[in-house]
Amino acid sequence: MTRIIPVFVNSARIEISSDSTALDAVRLWNEAAAREVEVGTRVVLDDRGLPIDPDTPVHGGSIFRLVPARQAGAAHDDETE
Protein backbone atom coordinates (compact mmCIF):
# COMPACT_ATOMS: atom_id res chain seq x y z
CA MET A 1 0.00 0.00 0.00
CA THR A 2 1.42 3.33 -1.08
CA ARG A 3 0.93 6.31 1.20
CA ILE A 4 2.09 9.91 1.18
CA ILE A 5 4.94 10.71 3.58
CA PRO A 6 6.95 13.82 4.42
CA VAL A 7 10.64 14.02 3.48
CA PHE A 8 13.04 16.95 3.39
CA VAL A 9 15.28 18.13 0.57
CA ASN A 10 17.63 21.00 1.44
CA SER A 11 15.34 21.90 4.37
CA ALA A 12 12.17 22.00 2.23
CA ARG A 13 9.36 19.68 3.28
CA ILE A 14 8.14 17.52 0.40
CA GLU A 15 5.09 15.25 0.44
CA ILE A 16 5.84 12.16 -1.67
CA SER A 17 4.70 8.59 -2.20
CA SER A 18 6.29 6.07 0.17
CA ASP A 19 7.52 3.96 -2.75
CA SER A 20 9.66 6.84 -4.12
CA THR A 21 13.43 7.26 -4.22
CA ALA A 22 15.73 10.05 -3.08
CA LEU A 23 16.00 11.18 -6.70
CA ASP A 24 12.20 11.32 -6.97
CA ALA A 25 12.16 13.60 -3.92
CA VAL A 26 14.86 15.82 -5.40
CA ARG A 27 12.95 15.95 -8.71
CA LEU A 28 9.76 17.01 -6.94
CA TRP A 29 11.73 19.71 -5.11
CA ASN A 30 13.66 20.97 -8.16
CA GLU A 31 13.80 19.47 -11.68
CA ALA A 32 17.11 21.16 -12.54
CA ALA A 33 18.77 19.82 -9.40
CA ALA A 34 17.55 16.30 -10.23
CA ARG A 35 19.13 16.57 -13.69
CA GLU A 36 22.41 17.62 -12.06
CA VAL A 37 22.28 14.52 -9.85
CA GLU A 38 21.59 12.35 -12.91
CA VAL A 39 24.62 13.71 -14.80
CA GLY A 40 26.88 13.57 -11.75
CA THR A 41 27.52 17.25 -11.05
CA ARG A 42 25.61 17.06 -7.74
CA VAL A 43 25.51 14.38 -5.06
CA VAL A 44 22.70 13.48 -2.67
CA LEU A 45 23.72 13.26 0.99
CA ASP A 46 21.75 11.62 3.79
CA ASP A 47 21.02 13.15 7.19
CA ARG A 48 24.53 12.20 8.37
CA GLY A 49 26.17 13.98 5.44
CA LEU A 50 27.16 10.75 3.69
CA PRO A 51 26.71 10.31 -0.06
CA ILE A 52 23.87 7.95 -0.99
CA ASP A 53 22.68 6.31 -4.18
CA PRO A 54 19.93 8.40 -5.78
CA ASP A 55 17.85 5.20 -5.99
CA THR A 56 17.74 4.91 -2.19
CA PRO A 57 14.12 4.45 -1.04
CA VAL A 58 12.61 7.25 1.03
CA HIS A 59 11.08 6.77 4.46
CA GLY A 60 9.02 9.13 6.57
CA GLY A 61 11.24 11.97 7.71
CA SER A 62 14.10 11.26 5.30
CA ILE A 63 16.49 14.19 5.03
CA PHE A 64 18.44 14.75 1.82
CA ARG A 65 20.95 17.47 1.04
CA LEU A 66 22.53 18.29 -2.29
CA VAL A 67 26.13 19.34 -2.74
CA PRO A 68 28.40 19.78 -5.74
CA ALA A 69 30.04 16.45 -6.64
CA ARG A 70 33.56 17.72 -5.91
CA GLN A 71 32.59 18.88 -2.41
CA ALA A 72 31.20 15.44 -1.52
CA GLY A 73 34.41 13.70 -2.56
CA ALA A 74 36.87 16.28 -1.24
CA ALA A 75 37.38 14.70 2.21
CA HIS A 76 38.14 11.30 0.69
CA ASP A 77 40.44 12.78 -1.95
CA ASP A 78 42.45 14.60 0.72
CA GLU A 79 43.08 11.31 2.57
CA THR A 80 44.68 9.70 -0.48
CA GLU A 81 47.20 12.44 -1.18
C-alpha atoms as a PDB file:
ATOM      1  CA  MET A   1       0.000   0.000   0.000  1.00  0.00           C
ATOM      2  CA  THR A   2       1.418   3.332  -1.077  1.00  0.00           C
ATOM      3  CA  ARG A   3       0.933   6.307   1.198  1.00  0.00           C
ATOM      4  CA  ILE A   4       2.094   9.907   1.184  1.00  0.00           C
ATOM      5  CA  ILE A   5       4.941  10.708   3.580  1.00  0.00           C
ATOM      6  CA  PRO A   6       6.953  13.822   4.423  1.00  0.00           C
ATOM      7  CA  VAL A   7      10.641  14.017   3.479  1.00  0.00           C
ATOM      8  CA  PHE A   8      13.040  16.951   3.389  1.00  0.00           C
ATOM      9  CA  VAL A   9      15.280  18.133   0.568  1.00  0.00           C
ATOM     10  CA  ASN A  10      17.632  20.995   1.444  1.00  0.00           C
ATOM     11  CA  SER A  11      15.340  21.904   4.369  1.00  0.00           C
ATOM     12  CA  ALA A  12      12.169  22.002   2.231  1.00  0.00           C
ATOM     13  CA  ARG A  13       9.359  19.678   3.284  1.00  0.00           C
ATOM     14  CA  ILE A  14       8.144  17.521   0.402  1.00  0.00           C
ATOM     15  CA  GLU A  15       5.090  15.254   0.436  1.00  0.00           C
ATOM     16  CA  ILE A  16       5.844  12.162  -1.671  1.00  0.00           C
ATOM     17  CA  SER A  17       4.700   8.592  -2.203  1.00  0.00           C
ATOM     18  CA  SER A  18       6.288   6.066   0.171  1.00  0.00           C
ATOM     19  CA  ASP A  19       7.523   3.960  -2.754  1.00  0.00           C
ATOM     20  CA  SER A  20       9.661   6.839  -4.123  1.00  0.00           C
ATOM     21  CA  THR A  21      13.434   7.263  -4.218  1.00  0.00           C
ATOM     22  CA  ALA A  22      15.735  10.045  -3.078  1.00  0.00           C
ATOM     23  CA  LEU A  23      15.999  11.178  -6.704  1.00  0.00           C
ATOM     24  CA  ASP A  24      12.196  11.317  -6.973  1.00  0.00           C
ATOM     25  CA  ALA A  25      12.157  13.602  -3.925  1.00  0.00           C
ATOM     26  CA  VAL A  26      14.857  15.823  -5.400  1.00  0.00           C
ATOM     27  CA  ARG A  27      12.954  15.950  -8.712  1.00  0.00           C
ATOM     28  CA  LEU A  28       9.755  17.012  -6.938  1.00  0.00           C
ATOM     29  CA  TRP A  29      11.726  19.713  -5.113  1.00  0.00           C
ATOM     30  CA  ASN A  30      13.655  20.966  -8.159  1.00  0.00           C
ATOM     31  CA  GLU A  31      13.801  19.469 -11.675  1.00  0.00           C
ATOM     32  CA  ALA A  32      17.105  21.157 -12.542  1.00  0.00           C
ATOM     33  CA  ALA A  33      18.770  19.822  -9.397  1.00  0.00           C
ATOM     34  CA  ALA A  34      17.552  16.304 -10.226  1.00  0.00           C
ATOM     35  CA  ARG A  35      19.126  16.567 -13.693  1.00  0.00           C
ATOM     36  CA  GLU A  36      22.412  17.625 -12.065  1.00  0.00           C
ATOM     37  CA  VAL A  37      22.280  14.520  -9.852  1.00  0.00           C
ATOM     38  CA  GLU A  38      21.590  12.354 -12.909  1.00  0.00           C
ATOM     39  CA  VAL A  39      24.618  13.709 -14.800  1.00  0.00           C
ATOM     40  CA  GLY A  40      26.876  13.568 -11.749  1.00  0.00           C
ATOM     41  CA  THR A  41      27.517  17.250 -11.045  1.00  0.00           C
ATOM     42  CA  ARG A  42      25.611  17.059  -7.744  1.00  0.00           C
ATOM     43  CA  VAL A  43      25.512  14.378  -5.061  1.00  0.00           C
ATOM     44  CA  VAL A  44      22.702  13.484  -2.673  1.00  0.00           C
ATOM     45  CA  LEU A  45      23.720  13.256   0.994  1.00  0.00           C
ATOM     46  CA  ASP A  46      21.750  11.623   3.792  1.00  0.00           C
ATOM     47  CA  ASP A  47      21.016  13.148   7.187  1.00  0.00           C
ATOM     48  CA  ARG A  48      24.530  12.203   8.368  1.00  0.00           C
ATOM     49  CA  GLY A  49      26.166  13.976   5.442  1.00  0.00           C
ATOM     50  CA  LEU A  50      27.156  10.754   3.688  1.00  0.00           C
ATOM     51  CA  PRO A  51      26.705  10.305  -0.058  1.00  0.00           C
ATOM     52  CA  ILE A  52      23.871   7.955  -0.991  1.00  0.00           C
ATOM     53  CA  ASP A  53      22.682   6.309  -4.180  1.00  0.00           C
ATOM     54  CA  PRO A  54      19.926   8.402  -5.775  1.00  0.00           C
ATOM     55  CA  ASP A  55      17.847   5.204  -5.993  1.00  0.00           C
ATOM     56  CA  THR A  56      17.743   4.914  -2.193  1.00  0.00           C
ATOM     57  CA  PRO A  57      14.122   4.455  -1.042  1.00  0.00           C
ATOM     58  CA  VAL A  58      12.608   7.246   1.029  1.00  0.00           C
ATOM     59  CA  HIS A  59      11.077   6.768   4.464  1.00  0.00           C
ATOM     60  CA  GLY A  60       9.020   9.127   6.573  1.00  0.00           C
ATOM     61  CA  GLY A  61      11.236  11.974   7.713  1.00  0.00           C
ATOM     62  CA  SER A  62      14.102  11.263   5.301  1.00  0.00           C
ATOM     63  CA  ILE A  63      16.489  14.193   5.025  1.00  0.00           C
ATOM     64  CA  PHE A  64      18.442  14.752   1.820  1.00  0.00           C
ATOM     65  CA  ARG A  65      20.950  17.469   1.040  1.00  0.00           C
ATOM     66  CA  LEU A  66      22.529  18.293  -2.289  1.00  0.00           C
ATOM     67  CA  VAL A  67      26.129  19.338  -2.739  1.00  0.00           C
ATOM     68  CA  PRO A  68      28.398  19.778  -5.743  1.00  0.00           C
ATOM     69  CA  ALA A  69      30.036  16.455  -6.642  1.00  0.00           C
ATOM     70  CA  ARG A  70      33.555  17.721  -5.913  1.00  0.00           C
ATOM     71  CA  GLN A  71      32.585  18.881  -2.407  1.00  0.00           C
ATOM     72  CA  ALA A  72      31.202  15.441  -1.518  1.00  0.00           C
ATOM     73  CA  GLY A  73      34.409  13.696  -2.561  1.00  0.00           C
ATOM     74  CA  ALA A  74      36.868  16.278  -1.237  1.00  0.00           C
ATOM     75  CA  ALA A  75      37.384  14.702   2.206  1.00  0.00           C
ATOM     76  CA  HIS A  76      38.135  11.301   0.688  1.00  0.00           C
ATOM     77  CA  ASP A  77      40.438  12.783  -1.947  1.00  0.00           C
ATOM     78  CA  ASP A  78      42.455  14.598   0.722  1.00  0.00           C
ATOM     79  CA  GLU A  79      43.081  11.314   2.575  1.00  0.00           C
ATOM     80  CA  THR A  80      44.676   9.699  -0.476  1.00  0.00           C
ATOM     81  CA  GLU A  81      47.203  12.441  -1.178  1.00  0.00           C
END
